[in-house]
């Protein structure tokens, strides 16, 4: 499969992740009387990865996330020379999804973009008012564990065919833990899409949702490479 086609597949997959995950937060989380809440949004993000892993995992590997792609490079599972193409495609997919979500959401009377379009943030823009330091550490650790789960679940020694379930549930758990802290990123492409639409504070704080997840990905990749190495 050509790099172009695999990158295009990553674009589609990341589009689905951002539309499904952020869409559930914007359109359904607080819907009157029957809102899905934090649990529903967490599950929605997990389901986007689970469904795409089965749908496109055999085509592109279903990274859907620049941090995951970097973690796989560090873990020795993905060639570094293909990393830029994947990251560009993932970011484009996230931006397209955010733009579509904005178009859909703005069709409701009273919609206000100031609500954030599920953007990630810290300080006054953290759902729970958590500090920048708390948010940074949370994003780093959650991304490291996510990469660890992915590398472990896709290891040739792991049970065959179950990786998408473990990865999807792993992302669900991560959201259950960290939505109150940063609205959960662990994915620079997921953060970039809404931030570019919202502008202002969301763009000013976007740096953290690139730096912390990418550092976490390196930690996760290095850690699994050591843990998973068979002793001689």
C-alpha atoms as a PDB file:
ATOM      1  CA  UNK A   1       0.000   0.000   0.000  1.00  0.00           C
ATOM      2  CA  UNK A   2       1.417   3.391  -0.992  1.00  0.00           C
ATOM      3  CA  UNK A   3       2.322   5.984   1.636  1.00  0.00           C
ATOM      4  CA  UNK A   4      -0.141   8.406   0.023  1.00  0.00           C
ATOM      5  CA  UNK A   5      -3.035   5.979   0.365  1.00  0.00           C
ATOM      6  CA  UNK A   6      -2.089   5.054   3.930  1.00  0.00           C
ATOM      7  CA  UNK A   7      -1.818   8.732   4.840  1.00  0.00           C
ATOM      8  CA  UNK A   8      -5.214   9.408   3.260  1.00  0.00           C
ATOM      9  CA  UNK A   9      -6.586   6.575   5.376  1.00  0.00           C
ATOM     10  CA  UNK A  10      -5.144   8.228   8.469  1.00  0.00           C
ATOM     11  CA  UNK A  11      -6.876  11.459   7.461  1.00  0.00           C
ATOM     12  CA  UNK A  12     -10.233   9.687   7.265  1.00  0.00           C
ATOM     13  CA  UNK A  13      -9.676   7.862  10.540  1.00  0.00           C
ATOM     14  CA  UNK A  14      -8.644  10.991  12.430  1.00  0.00           C
ATOM     15  CA  UNK A  15     -11.613  12.818  10.936  1.00  0.00           C
ATOM     16  CA  UNK A  16     -13.864  10.160  12.455  1.00  0.00           C
ATOM     17  CA  UNK A  17     -12.122  10.338  15.830  1.00  0.00           C
ATOM     18  CA  UNK A  18     -12.520  14.107  16.122  1.00  0.00           C
ATOM     19  CA  UNK A  19     -16.030  14.178  14.704  1.00  0.00           C
ATOM     20  CA  UNK A  20     -17.182  11.299  16.890  1.00  0.00           C
ATOM     21  CA  UNK A  21     -15.399  12.259  20.081  1.00  0.00           C
ATOM     22  CA  UNK A  22     -15.637  16.047  20.000  1.00  0.00           C
ATOM     23  CA  UNK A  23     -19.039  15.803  18.334  1.00  0.00           C
ATOM     24  CA  UNK A  24     -20.401  13.818  21.249  1.00  0.00           C
ATOM     25  CA  UNK A  25     -19.043  16.448  23.649  1.00  0.00           C
ATOM     26  CA  UNK A  26     -20.451  19.416  21.725  1.00  0.00           C
ATOM     27  CA  UNK A  27     -23.759  18.003  20.521  1.00  0.00           C
ATOM     28  CA  UNK A  28     -24.760  15.375  23.070  1.00  0.00           C
ATOM     29  CA  UNK A  29     -22.928  15.748  26.397  1.00  0.00           C
ATOM     30  CA  UNK A  30     -25.342  18.246  27.907  1.00  0.00           C
ATOM     31  CA  UNK A  31     -28.350  17.687  25.699  1.00  0.00           C
ATOM     32  CA  UNK A  32     -31.476  18.562  27.708  1.00  0.00           C
ATOM     33  CA  UNK A  33     -32.648  15.764  30.000  1.00  0.00           C
ATOM     34  CA  UNK A  34     -30.894  12.945  28.108  1.00  0.00           C
ATOM     35  CA  UNK A  35     -27.313  14.216  27.838  1.00  0.00           C
ATOM     36  CA  UNK A  36     -24.640  11.514  27.669  1.00  0.00           C
ATOM     37  CA  UNK A  37     -22.315  13.298  30.124  1.00  0.00           C
ATOM     38  CA  UNK A  38     -18.666  12.564  30.848  1.00  0.00           C
ATOM     39  CA  UNK A  39     -19.145   8.797  30.673  1.00  0.00           C
ATOM     40  CA  UNK A  40     -20.801   9.014  27.279  1.00  0.00           C
ATOM     41  CA  UNK A  41     -18.134  11.291  25.823  1.00  0.00           C
ATOM     42  CA  UNK A  42     -15.392   9.008  27.147  1.00  0.00           C
ATOM     43  CA  UNK A  43     -17.052   6.021  25.558  1.00  0.00           C
ATOM     44  CA  UNK A  44     -17.523   7.908  22.281  1.00  0.00           C
ATOM     45  CA  UNK A  45     -13.799   8.583  21.973  1.00  0.00           C
ATOM     46  CA  UNK A  46     -13.043   4.949  22.721  1.00  0.00           C
ATOM     47  CA  UNK A  47     -15.582   3.787  20.149  1.00  0.00           C
ATOM     48  CA  UNK A  48     -14.078   5.948  17.408  1.00  0.00           C
ATOM     49  CA  UNK A  49     -10.730   4.237  17.851  1.00  0.00           C
ATOM     50  CA  UNK A  50     -12.292   0.793  18.252  1.00  0.00           C
ATOM     51  CA  UNK A  51     -14.354   1.085  15.072  1.00  0.00           C
ATOM     52  CA  UNK A  52     -11.527   2.559  13.012  1.00  0.00           C
ATOM     53  CA  UNK A  53      -9.034  -0.017  14.276  1.00  0.00           C
ATOM     54  CA  UNK A  54     -11.213  -2.751  12.796  1.00  0.00           C
ATOM     55  CA  UNK A  55     -12.005  -0.712   9.673  1.00  0.00           C
ATOM     56  CA  UNK A  56      -8.583   0.630   8.689  1.00  0.00           C
ATOM     57  CA  UNK A  57      -6.037  -1.000  10.978  1.00  0.00           C
ATOM     58  CA  UNK A  58      -5.020  -3.354   8.180  1.00  0.00           C
ATOM     59  CA  UNK A  59      -4.483  -0.413   5.813  1.00  0.00           C
ATOM     60  CA  UNK A  60      -2.607   2.257   7.760  1.00  0.00           C
ATOM     61  CA  UNK A  61      -2.176   0.808  11.238  1.00  0.00           C
ATOM     62  CA  UNK A  62      -4.860   3.187  12.551  1.00  0.00           C
ATOM     63  CA  UNK A  63      -2.644   5.617  14.441  1.00  0.00           C
ATOM     64  CA  UNK A  64      -5.066   8.606  14.219  1.00  0.00           C
ATOM     65  CA  UNK A  65      -2.707  10.563  16.420  1.00  0.00           C
ATOM     66  CA  UNK A  66       0.718  12.200  15.896  1.00  0.00           C
ATOM     67  CA  UNK A  67       1.764  11.115  19.385  1.00  0.00           C
ATOM     68  CA  UNK A  68       0.884   7.498  18.658  1.00  0.00           C
ATOM     69  CA  UNK A  69       2.811   7.624  15.386  1.00  0.00           C
ATOM     70  CA  UNK A  70       5.846   9.033  17.217  1.00  0.00           C
ATOM     71  CA  UNK A  71       5.493   6.437  19.966  1.00  0.00           C
ATOM     72  CA  UNK A  72       5.463   3.685  17.369  1.00  0.00           C
ATOM     73  CA  UNK A  73       8.624   5.108  15.802  1.00  0.00           C
ATOM     74  CA  UNK A  74      10.341   5.134  19.200  1.00  0.00           C
ATOM     75  CA  UNK A  75       9.013   1.630  19.886  1.00  0.00           C
ATOM     76  CA  UNK A  76      10.500   0.354  16.642  1.00  0.00           C
ATOM     77  CA  UNK A  77       7.164  -0.357  14.965  1.00  0.00           C
ATOM     78  CA  UNK A  78       6.969   2.448  12.382  1.00  0.00           C
ATOM     79  CA  UNK A  79       9.573   3.981  10.043  1.00  0.00           C
ATOM     80  CA  UNK A  80      10.612   7.509  10.985  1.00  0.00           C
ATOM     81  CA  UNK A  81      10.739   8.598   7.338  1.00  0.00           C
ATOM     82  CA  UNK A  82       6.953   8.140   7.078  1.00  0.00           C
ATOM     83  CA  UNK A  83       6.169  10.117  10.237  1.00  0.00           C
ATOM     84  CA  UNK A  84       5.748  13.576   8.604  1.00  0.00           C
ATOM     85  CA  UNK A  85       3.198  12.318   6.062  1.00  0.00           C
ATOM     86  CA  UNK A  86       1.130  10.634   8.764  1.00  0.00           C
ATOM     87  CA  UNK A  87       1.196  13.679  11.061  1.00  0.00           C
ATOM     88  CA  UNK A  88       0.174  16.068   8.292  1.00  0.00           C
ATOM     89  CA  UNK A  89      -2.706  13.796   7.264  1.00  0.00           C
ATOM     90  CA  UNK A  90      -3.883  13.395  10.857  1.00  0.00           C
ATOM     91  CA  UNK A  91      -3.895  17.141  11.488  1.00  0.00           C
ATOM     92  CA  UNK A  92      -5.792  17.802   8.259  1.00  0.00           C
ATOM     93  CA  UNK A  93      -8.371  15.183   9.215  1.00  0.00           C
ATOM     94  CA  UNK A  94      -8.799  16.795  12.631  1.00  0.00           C
ATOM     95  CA  UNK A  95      -9.245  20.258  11.158  1.00  0.00           C
ATOM     96  CA  UNK A  96     -11.821  19.099   8.611  1.00  0.00           C
ATOM     97  CA  UNK A  97     -13.794  17.323  11.344  1.00  0.00           C
ATOM     98  CA  UNK A  98     -13.724  20.387  13.598  1.00  0.00           C
ATOM     99  CA  UNK A  99     -14.905  22.609  10.752  1.00  0.00           C
ATOM    100  CA  UNK A 100     -17.772  20.232   9.982  1.00  0.00           C
ATOM    101  CA  UNK A 101     -18.684  20.018  13.662  1.00  0.00           C
ATOM    102  CA  UNK A 102     -18.772  23.814  13.866  1.00  0.00           C
ATOM    103  CA  UNK A 103     -21.036  23.948  10.823  1.00  0.00           C
ATOM    104  CA  UNK A 104     -23.438  21.409  12.351  1.00  0.00           C
ATOM    105  CA  UNK A 105     -23.397  22.926  15.847  1.00  0.00           C
ATOM    106  CA  UNK A 106     -23.942  26.474  14.576  1.00  0.00           C
ATOM    107  CA  UNK A 107     -27.256  25.369  13.095  1.00  0.00           C
ATOM    108  CA  UNK A 108     -28.772  25.400  16.587  1.00  0.00           C
ATOM    109  CA  UNK A 109     -30.201  28.729  17.798  1.00  0.00           C
ATOM    110  CA  UNK A 110     -28.095  30.211  20.550  1.00  0.00           C
ATOM    111  CA  UNK A 111     -24.916  28.283  19.719  1.00  0.00           C
ATOM    112  CA  UNK A 112     -21.868  30.137  20.991  1.00  0.00           C
ATOM    113  CA  UNK A 113     -18.368  29.299  19.768  1.00  0.00           C
ATOM    114  CA  UNK A 114     -17.057  30.709  23.051  1.00  0.00           C
ATOM    115  CA  UNK A 115     -18.115  27.406  24.631  1.00  0.00           C
ATOM    116  CA  UNK A 116     -14.940  26.010  23.121  1.00  0.00           C
ATOM    117  CA  UNK A 117     -16.019  23.348  20.594  1.00  0.00           C
ATOM    118  CA  UNK A 118     -14.509  20.712  22.934  1.00  0.00           C
ATOM    119  CA  UNK A 119     -11.121  22.470  22.848  1.00  0.00           C
ATOM    120  CA  UNK A 120      -8.465  21.422  25.319  1.00  0.00           C
ATOM    121  CA  UNK A 121      -7.286  23.864  27.943  1.00  0.00           C
ATOM    122  CA  UNK A 122      -5.751  24.494  31.346  1.00  0.00           C
ATOM    123  CA  UNK A 123      -6.228  27.072  34.067  1.00  0.00           C
ATOM    124  CA  UNK A 124      -9.494  28.903  33.543  1.00  0.00           C
ATOM    125  CA  UNK A 125     -10.105  26.827  30.415  1.00  0.00           C
ATOM    126  CA  UNK A 126      -9.738  23.504  32.229  1.00  0.00           C
ATOM    127  CA  UNK A 127     -13.165  21.954  32.931  1.00  0.00           C
ATOM    128  CA  UNK A 128     -12.132  21.545  36.572  1.00  0.00           C
ATOM    129  CA  UNK A 129      -9.888  24.601  36.813  1.00  0.00           C
ATOM    130  CA  UNK A 130      -6.661  22.555  36.938  1.00  0.00           C
ATOM    131  CA  UNK A 131      -3.317  24.330  36.589  1.00  0.00           C
ATOM    132  CA  UNK A 132      -0.978  24.208  33.601  1.00  0.00           C
ATOM    133  CA  UNK A 133       1.427  21.961  35.514  1.00  0.00           C
ATOM    134  CA  UNK A 134      -1.330  19.530  36.468  1.00  0.00           C
ATOM    135  CA  UNK A 135      -2.556  19.470  32.889  1.00  0.00           C
ATOM    136  CA  UNK A 136       0.924  18.959  31.461  1.00  0.00           C
ATOM    137  CA  UNK A 137       1.728  16.051  33.759  1.00  0.00           C
ATOM    138  CA  UNK A 138      -1.680  14.487  33.170  1.00  0.00           C
ATOM    139  CA  UNK A 139      -1.333  14.685  29.382  1.00  0.00           C
ATOM    140  CA  UNK A 140       2.202  13.314  29.463  1.00  0.00           C
ATOM    141  CA  UNK A 141       1.357  10.348  31.680  1.00  0.00           C
ATOM    142  CA  UNK A 142      -1.911   9.502  29.914  1.00  0.00           C
ATOM    143  CA  UNK A 143      -0.219   9.553  26.521  1.00  0.00           C
ATOM    144  CA  UNK A 144       2.659   7.429  27.765  1.00  0.00           C
ATOM    145  CA  UNK A 145       0.215   4.823  29.059  1.00  0.00           C
ATOM    146  CA  UNK A 146      -1.826   4.965  25.850  1.00  0.00           C
ATOM    147  CA  UNK A 147       1.278   4.260  23.752  1.00  0.00           C
ATOM    148  CA  UNK A 148       2.236   1.482  26.171  1.00  0.00           C
ATOM    149  CA  UNK A 149      -1.223  -0.091  25.740  1.00  0.00           C
ATOM    150  CA  UNK A 150      -0.997   0.155  21.954  1.00  0.00           C
ATOM    151  CA  UNK A 151       2.472  -1.356  21.749  1.00  0.00           C
ATOM    152  CA  UNK A 152       1.528  -4.142  24.145  1.00  0.00           C
ATOM    153  CA  UNK A 153      -1.810  -4.957  22.557  1.00  0.00           C
ATOM    154  CA  UNK A 154      -0.293  -5.111  19.060  1.00  0.00           C
ATOM    155  CA  UNK A 155       2.754  -7.124  20.093  1.00  0.00           C
ATOM    156  CA  UNK A 156       3.029 -10.365  18.137  1.00  0.00           C
ATOM    157  CA  UNK A 157       2.976 -12.202  21.461  1.00  0.00           C
ATOM    158  CA  UNK A 158      -0.360 -10.663  22.498  1.00  0.00           C
ATOM    159  CA  UNK A 159      -3.709 -12.430  21.895  1.00  0.00           C
ATOM    160  CA  UNK A 160      -4.530 -12.101  18.210  1.00  0.00           C
ATOM    161  CA  UNK A 161      -7.456  -9.947  17.097  1.00  0.00           C
ATOM    162  CA  UNK A 162      -8.166  -8.265  20.426  1.00  0.00           C
ATOM    163  CA  UNK A 163      -5.939  -5.192  20.112  1.00  0.00           C
ATOM    164  CA  UNK A 164      -8.719  -2.820  18.952  1.00  0.00           C
ATOM    165  CA  UNK A 165     -10.779  -3.640  22.042  1.00  0.00           C
ATOM    166  CA  UNK A 166      -7.905  -3.036  24.445  1.00  0.00           C
ATOM    167  CA  UNK A 167      -6.927   0.195  22.702  1.00  0.00           C
ATOM    168  CA  UNK A 168     -10.496   1.506  22.518  1.00  0.00           C
ATOM    169  CA  UNK A 169     -11.154   0.752  26.163  1.00  0.00           C
ATOM    170  CA  UNK A 170      -7.786   2.232  27.083  1.00  0.00           C
ATOM    171  CA  UNK A 171      -8.729   5.524  25.459  1.00  0.00           C
ATOM    172  CA  UNK A 172     -12.120   5.411  27.189  1.00  0.00           C
ATOM    173  CA  UNK A 173     -10.413   5.013  30.561  1.00  0.00           C
ATOM    174  CA  UNK A 174      -8.004   7.846  29.805  1.00  0.00           C
ATOM    175  CA  UNK A 175     -10.942  10.161  29.105  1.00  0.00           C
ATOM    176  CA  UNK A 176     -12.736   9.086  32.268  1.00  0.00           C
ATOM    177  CA  UNK A 177      -9.658  10.116  34.230  1.00  0.00           C
ATOM    178  CA  UNK A 178      -8.631  13.303  32.490  1.00  0.00           C
ATOM    179  CA  UNK A 179     -11.632  15.092  30.964  1.00  0.00           C
ATOM    180  CA  UNK A 180     -11.964  17.200  34.164  1.00  0.00           C
ATOM    181  CA  UNK A 181      -8.290  18.178  33.928  1.00  0.00           C
ATOM    182  CA  UNK A 182      -7.765  19.209  30.288  1.00  0.00           C
ATOM    183  CA  UNK A 183     -10.845  17.980  28.422  1.00  0.00           C
ATOM    184  CA  UNK A 184      -8.441  15.193  27.403  1.00  0.00           C
ATOM    185  CA  UNK A 185      -6.176  15.489  24.433  1.00  0.00           C
ATOM    186  CA  UNK A 186      -3.418  12.822  24.347  1.00  0.00           C
ATOM    187  CA  UNK A 187      -3.633  13.635  20.629  1.00  0.00           C
ATOM    188  CA  UNK A 188      -2.228  16.809  19.035  1.00  0.00           C
ATOM    189  CA  UNK A 189      -4.399  16.417  15.924  1.00  0.00           C
ATOM    190  CA  UNK A 190      -7.555  16.193  18.049  1.00  0.00           C
ATOM    191  CA  UNK A 191      -6.500  19.395  19.845  1.00  0.00           C
ATOM    192  CA  UNK A 192      -5.461  21.320  16.752  1.00  0.00           C
ATOM    193  CA  UNK A 193      -8.746  21.009  14.861  1.00  0.00           C
ATOM    194  CA  UNK A 194     -11.028  22.665  17.438  1.00  0.00           C
ATOM    195  CA  UNK A 195      -8.331  25.160  18.473  1.00  0.00           C
ATOM    196  CA  UNK A 196      -8.011  26.533  14.948  1.00  0.00           C
ATOM    197  CA  UNK A 197     -11.776  27.028  14.741  1.00  0.00           C
ATOM    198  CA  UNK A 198     -12.109  28.596  18.196  1.00  0.00           C
ATOM    199  CA  UNK A 199      -8.958  30.729  17.964  1.00  0.00           C
ATOM    200  CA  UNK A 200      -7.816  33.031  20.780  1.00  0.00           C
ATOM    201  CA  UNK A 201      -7.121  31.221  24.028  1.00  0.00           C
ATOM    202  CA  UNK A 202      -7.413  27.782  22.400  1.00  0.00           C
ATOM    203  CA  UNK A 203      -4.533  28.533  20.039  1.00  0.00           C
ATOM    204  CA  UNK A 204      -2.507  30.193  22.813  1.00  0.00           C
ATOM    205  CA  UNK A 205      -2.738  27.017  24.917  1.00  0.00           C
ATOM    206  CA  UNK A 206      -2.352  24.583  22.016  1.00  0.00           C
ATOM    207  CA  UNK A 207       1.401  24.275  22.533  1.00  0.00           C
ATOM    208  CA  UNK A 208       0.873  22.131  25.610  1.00  0.00           C
ATOM    209  CA  UNK A 209      -1.285  19.665  23.734  1.00  0.00           C
ATOM    210  CA  UNK A 210       1.541  19.066  21.314  1.00  0.00           C
ATOM    211  CA  UNK A 211       4.490  19.089  23.701  1.00  0.00           C
ATOM    212  CA  UNK A 212       3.077  16.971  26.542  1.00  0.00           C
ATOM    213  CA  UNK A 213       1.575  14.189  24.360  1.00  0.00           C
ATOM    214  CA  UNK A 214       4.704  13.963  22.185  1.00  0.00           C
ATOM    215  CA  UNK A 215       6.942  13.726  25.261  1.00  0.00           C
ATOM    216  CA  UNK A 216       4.580  11.146  26.727  1.00  0.00           C
ATOM    217  CA  UNK A 217       4.734   9.152  23.496  1.00  0.00           C
ATOM    218  CA  UNK A 218       8.526   9.020  23.707  1.00  0.00           C
ATOM    219  CA  UNK A 219       8.317   7.859  27.323  1.00  0.00           C
ATOM    220  CA  UNK A 220       5.767   5.172  26.447  1.00  0.00           C
ATOM    221  CA  UNK A 221       7.770   3.978  23.463  1.00  0.00           C
ATOM    222  CA  UNK A 222      11.017   3.740  25.392  1.00  0.00           C
ATOM    223  CA  UNK A 223       9.332   2.079  28.366  1.00  0.00           C
ATOM    224  CA  UNK A 224       7.640  -0.630  26.305  1.00  0.00           C
ATOM    225  CA  UNK A 225      10.766  -1.253  24.282  1.00  0.00           C
ATOM    226  CA  UNK A 226      12.523  -2.045  27.572  1.00  0.00           C
ATOM    227  CA  UNK A 227       9.655  -3.939  29.214  1.00  0.00           C
ATOM    228  CA  UNK A 228       8.837  -5.967  26.115  1.00  0.00           C
ATOM    229  CA  UNK A 229      12.393  -6.969  25.286  1.00  0.00           C
ATOM    230  CA  UNK A 230      12.939 -10.634  25.974  1.00  0.00           C
ATOM    231  CA  UNK A 231      15.821 -11.399  28.307  1.00  0.00           C
ATOM    232  CA  UNK A 232      18.666 -13.371  26.808  1.00  0.00           C
END
